C-alpha atoms as a PDB file:
ATOM      1  CA  MET A   1      25.732 -15.275  13.627  1.00  0.00           C
ATOM      2  CA  LYS A   2      23.633 -13.566  16.309  1.00  0.00           C
ATOM      3  CA  LYS A   3      24.635 -10.159  14.954  1.00  0.00           C
ATOM      4  CA  LEU A   4      23.511 -11.169  11.481  1.00  0.00           C
ATOM      5  CA  SER A   5      20.127 -12.344  12.824  1.00  0.00           C
ATOM      6  CA  VAL A   6      19.638  -9.134  14.788  1.00  0.00           C
ATOM      7  CA  LEU A   7      20.601  -7.045  11.751  1.00  0.00           C
ATOM      8  CA  SER A   8      18.178  -9.014   9.584  1.00  0.00           C
ATOM      9  CA  LEU A   9      15.371  -8.409  12.064  1.00  0.00           C
ATOM     10  CA  ILE A  10      16.156  -4.691  12.170  1.00  0.00           C
ATOM     11  CA  VAL A  11      16.116  -4.448   8.377  1.00  0.00           C
ATOM     12  CA  VAL A  12      12.775  -6.284   8.205  1.00  0.00           C
ATOM     13  CA  PHE A  13      11.309  -4.028  10.905  1.00  0.00           C
ATOM     14  CA  ILE A  14      12.481  -0.812   9.232  1.00  0.00           C
ATOM     15  CA  THR A  15      11.241  -1.962   5.833  1.00  0.00           C
ATOM     16  CA  THR A  16       7.830  -2.940   7.235  1.00  0.00           C
ATOM     17  CA  ALA A  17       7.545   0.319   9.163  1.00  0.00           C
ATOM     18  CA  SER A  18       8.443   2.334   6.055  1.00  0.00           C
ATOM     19  CA  PHE A  19       5.749   0.621   3.975  1.00  0.00           C
ATOM     20  CA  THR A  20       3.176   1.149   6.725  1.00  0.00           C
ATOM     21  CA  LEU A  21       4.021   4.839   6.980  1.00  0.00           C
ATOM     22  CA  LEU A  22       3.817   5.249   3.213  1.00  0.00           C
ATOM     23  CA  GLN A  23       0.356   3.663   3.177  1.00  0.00           C
ATOM     24  CA  THR A  24      -0.983   5.976   5.870  1.00  0.00           C
ATOM     25  CA  LYS A  25       0.850   9.130   4.830  1.00  0.00           C
ATOM     26  CA  PRO A  26      -1.635  11.746   3.603  1.00  0.00           C
ATOM     27  CA  TRP A  27      -1.347  12.669  -0.038  1.00  0.00           C
ATOM     28  CA  ASN A  28      -1.308  16.432   0.156  1.00  0.00           C
ATOM     29  CA  VAL A  29      -2.230  18.314  -2.981  1.00  0.00           C
ATOM     30  CA  PRO A  30      -1.120  21.937  -3.410  1.00  0.00           C
ATOM     31  CA  ALA A  31      -4.102  24.235  -2.750  1.00  0.00           C
ATOM     32  CA  ASP A  32      -4.046  25.796  -6.214  1.00  0.00           C
ATOM     33  CA  LYS A  33      -4.078  22.338  -7.837  1.00  0.00           C
ATOM     34  CA  ALA A  34      -6.867  21.084  -5.568  1.00  0.00           C
ATOM     35  CA  LYS A  35      -9.017  24.084  -6.528  1.00  0.00           C
ATOM     36  CA  ALA A  36      -8.579  23.514 -10.264  1.00  0.00           C
ATOM     37  CA  ALA A  37     -11.946  23.164 -11.974  1.00  0.00           C
ATOM     38  CA  ASN A  38     -12.541  20.401 -14.467  1.00  0.00           C
ATOM     39  CA  PRO A  39     -12.755  22.120 -17.869  1.00  0.00           C
ATOM     40  CA  VAL A  40     -14.321  19.016 -19.451  1.00  0.00           C
ATOM     41  CA  LYS A  41     -18.065  18.775 -18.930  1.00  0.00           C
ATOM     42  CA  THR A  42     -19.303  15.442 -17.686  1.00  0.00           C
ATOM     43  CA  SER A  43     -21.005  13.732 -20.625  1.00  0.00           C
ATOM     44  CA  ALA A  44     -21.502  10.241 -21.963  1.00  0.00           C
ATOM     45  CA  ALA A  45     -18.699  10.874 -24.482  1.00  0.00           C
ATOM     46  CA  SER A  46     -16.267  12.105 -21.807  1.00  0.00           C
ATOM     47  CA  ILE A  47     -17.033   9.168 -19.514  1.00  0.00           C
ATOM     48  CA  ALA A  48     -16.640   6.718 -22.420  1.00  0.00           C
ATOM     49  CA  GLU A  49     -13.249   8.230 -23.314  1.00  0.00           C
ATOM     50  CA  GLY A  50     -12.225   8.064 -19.661  1.00  0.00           C
ATOM     51  CA  LYS A  51     -13.324   4.432 -19.463  1.00  0.00           C
ATOM     52  CA  THR A  52     -11.176   3.551 -22.478  1.00  0.00           C
ATOM     53  CA  LEU A  53      -8.159   5.215 -20.857  1.00  0.00           C
ATOM     54  CA  TRP A  54      -8.999   3.508 -17.550  1.00  0.00           C
ATOM     55  CA  SER A  55      -9.025   0.082 -19.213  1.00  0.00           C
ATOM     56  CA  THR A  56      -5.631   0.758 -20.772  1.00  0.00           C
ATOM     57  CA  HIS A  57      -3.810   2.457 -17.890  1.00  0.00           C
ATOM     58  CA  CYS A  58      -5.636   1.941 -14.584  1.00  0.00           C
ATOM     59  CA  ALA A  59      -7.706  -1.247 -14.385  1.00  0.00           C
ATOM     60  CA  SER A  60      -4.743  -3.573 -13.864  1.00  0.00           C
ATOM     61  CA  CYS A  61      -4.212  -2.067 -10.401  1.00  0.00           C
ATOM     62  CA  HIS A  62      -7.478  -0.332  -9.537  1.00  0.00           C
ATOM     63  CA  GLY A  63      -9.822  -2.950 -11.011  1.00  0.00           C
ATOM     64  CA  LYS A  64     -12.451  -2.746 -13.732  1.00  0.00           C
ATOM     65  CA  THR A  65     -14.871  -0.862 -11.475  1.00  0.00           C
ATOM     66  CA  GLY A  66     -12.364   0.989  -9.268  1.00  0.00           C
ATOM     67  CA  LEU A  67     -12.621  -1.226  -6.195  1.00  0.00           C
ATOM     68  CA  GLY A  68      -8.829  -1.578  -5.910  1.00  0.00           C
ATOM     69  CA  ASP A  69      -8.984  -5.219  -6.970  1.00  0.00           C
ATOM     70  CA  GLY A  70      -7.041  -5.245 -10.226  1.00  0.00           C
ATOM     71  CA  SER A  71      -4.832  -8.167 -11.216  1.00  0.00           C
ATOM     72  CA  LYS A  72      -1.678  -6.303 -10.074  1.00  0.00           C
ATOM     73  CA  ALA A  73      -3.165  -4.960  -6.808  1.00  0.00           C
ATOM     74  CA  THR A  74      -1.726  -7.701  -4.606  1.00  0.00           C
ATOM     75  CA  THR A  75       1.791  -7.106  -5.941  1.00  0.00           C
ATOM     76  CA  LEU A  76       1.854  -3.451  -4.841  1.00  0.00           C
ATOM     77  CA  GLU A  77       3.385  -2.133  -1.641  1.00  0.00           C
ATOM     78  CA  THR A  78       0.333   0.068  -1.068  1.00  0.00           C
ATOM     79  CA  ALA A  79      -3.193  -1.165  -1.700  1.00  0.00           C
ATOM     80  CA  PRO A  80      -5.097   0.812  -4.332  1.00  0.00           C
ATOM     81  CA  PRO A  81      -8.066   2.623  -2.779  1.00  0.00           C
ATOM     82  CA  ASP A  82     -11.705   1.860  -3.472  1.00  0.00           C
ATOM     83  CA  PHE A  83     -12.809   4.706  -5.745  1.00  0.00           C
ATOM     84  CA  SER A  84     -16.489   4.050  -5.065  1.00  0.00           C
ATOM     85  CA  LYS A  85     -16.158   5.137  -1.430  1.00  0.00           C
ATOM     86  CA  ALA A  86     -16.817   8.589  -0.016  1.00  0.00           C
ATOM     87  CA  ALA A  87     -13.145   9.028   0.958  1.00  0.00           C
ATOM     88  CA  PHE A  88     -12.213   9.092  -2.722  1.00  0.00           C
ATOM     89  CA  GLN A  89     -15.354  10.675  -4.126  1.00  0.00           C
ATOM     90  CA  GLY A  90     -15.123  13.521  -1.584  1.00  0.00           C
ATOM     91  CA  GLN A  91     -11.936  14.831  -3.196  1.00  0.00           C
ATOM     92  CA  THR A  92     -12.042  17.743  -5.587  1.00  0.00           C
ATOM     93  CA  ASP A  93     -11.670  17.118  -9.319  1.00  0.00           C
ATOM     94  CA  GLY A  94      -8.437  19.098  -9.149  1.00  0.00           C
ATOM     95  CA  SER A  95      -7.034  16.770  -6.471  1.00  0.00           C
ATOM     96  CA  ILE A  96      -7.890  13.679  -8.485  1.00  0.00           C
ATOM     97  CA  PHE A  97      -6.362  15.227 -11.613  1.00  0.00           C
ATOM     98  CA  TYR A  98      -3.178  16.150  -9.713  1.00  0.00           C
ATOM     99  CA  LYS A  99      -2.734  12.685  -8.183  1.00  0.00           C
ATOM    100  CA  THR A 100      -3.318  11.012 -11.545  1.00  0.00           C
ATOM    101  CA  ALA A 101      -0.872  13.298 -13.338  1.00  0.00           C
ATOM    102  CA  GLU A 102       1.862  13.348 -10.684  1.00  0.00           C
ATOM    103  CA  GLY A 103       1.692   9.882  -9.107  1.00  0.00           C
ATOM    104  CA  ARG A 104       3.364   8.765  -5.881  1.00  0.00           C
ATOM    105  CA  GLY A 105       4.978   5.508  -4.782  1.00  0.00           C
ATOM    106  CA  ASP A 106       3.318   2.602  -6.608  1.00  0.00           C
ATOM    107  CA  MET A 107       1.004   5.041  -8.392  1.00  0.00           C
ATOM    108  CA  PRO A 108       2.879   6.089 -11.537  1.00  0.00           C
ATOM    109  CA  SER A 109       2.787   9.561 -13.004  1.00  0.00           C
ATOM    110  CA  PHE A 110       0.569   9.786 -16.058  1.00  0.00           C
ATOM    111  CA  LYS A 111       1.479  13.281 -17.226  1.00  0.00           C
ATOM    112  CA  LYS A 112       3.728  11.813 -19.938  1.00  0.00           C
ATOM    113  CA  LYS A 113       1.803   8.573 -20.617  1.00  0.00           C
ATOM    114  CA  ILE A 114      -1.420  10.562 -21.066  1.00  0.00           C
ATOM    115  CA  ALA A 115       0.038  13.802 -22.372  1.00  0.00           C
ATOM    116  CA  ASP A 116      -3.259  15.474 -23.307  1.00  0.00           C
ATOM    117  CA  GLN A 117      -4.616  17.058 -20.127  1.00  0.00           C
ATOM    118  CA  GLU A 118      -8.152  16.802 -21.484  1.00  0.00           C
ATOM    119  CA  ASP A 119      -7.761  13.026 -21.437  1.00  0.00           C
ATOM    120  CA  ILE A 120      -6.826  13.075 -17.740  1.00  0.00           C
ATOM    121  CA  TRP A 121      -9.931  15.206 -17.085  1.00  0.00           C
ATOM    122  CA  ASN A 122     -11.951  12.573 -18.978  1.00  0.00           C
ATOM    123  CA  LEU A 123     -10.467  10.001 -16.595  1.00  0.00           C
ATOM    124  CA  VAL A 124     -11.590  12.161 -13.667  1.00  0.00           C
ATOM    125  CA  ASN A 125     -15.116  12.176 -15.102  1.00  0.00           C
ATOM    126  CA  PHE A 126     -15.014   8.386 -15.438  1.00  0.00           C
ATOM    127  CA  MET A 127     -13.726   7.982 -11.868  1.00  0.00           C
ATOM    128  CA  ARG A 128     -16.668  10.067 -10.665  1.00  0.00           C
ATOM    129  CA  SER A 129     -18.987   7.530 -12.310  1.00  0.00           C
ATOM    130  CA  LEU A 130     -17.597   4.792 -10.056  1.00  0.00           C
ATOM    131  CA  LYS A 131     -19.389   6.031  -6.939  1.00  0.00           C
ATOM    132  CA  LYS A 132     -22.015   3.803  -5.400  1.00  0.00           C
END
């Protein structure tokens, strides 16, 4: 019985440590992807299209205004970031596009769900509008 308790504690520790490492692990974007320029000019129409996509695909985790407070946020292993903060807004458009398209961990890949790359760039333009 003691062995089972010790094993259970070890499993809990390893699982907790893994989740903690995943949360703090940098999300490295390949240099060529990070340097990619947004081919979609920021405009009211682009931001509106991005907002529509956001409401459909992103708000449930990231929240209506990108604060990371969506209805599913508390069920995730990693907390969604606050997109209004400088840490997010300081990323290049190419980095944001790459992370949205590729996904990682709880963040799903959207390259198939949002197949038109222009739509992902519209999302990038909307995310830029979330800054304080």
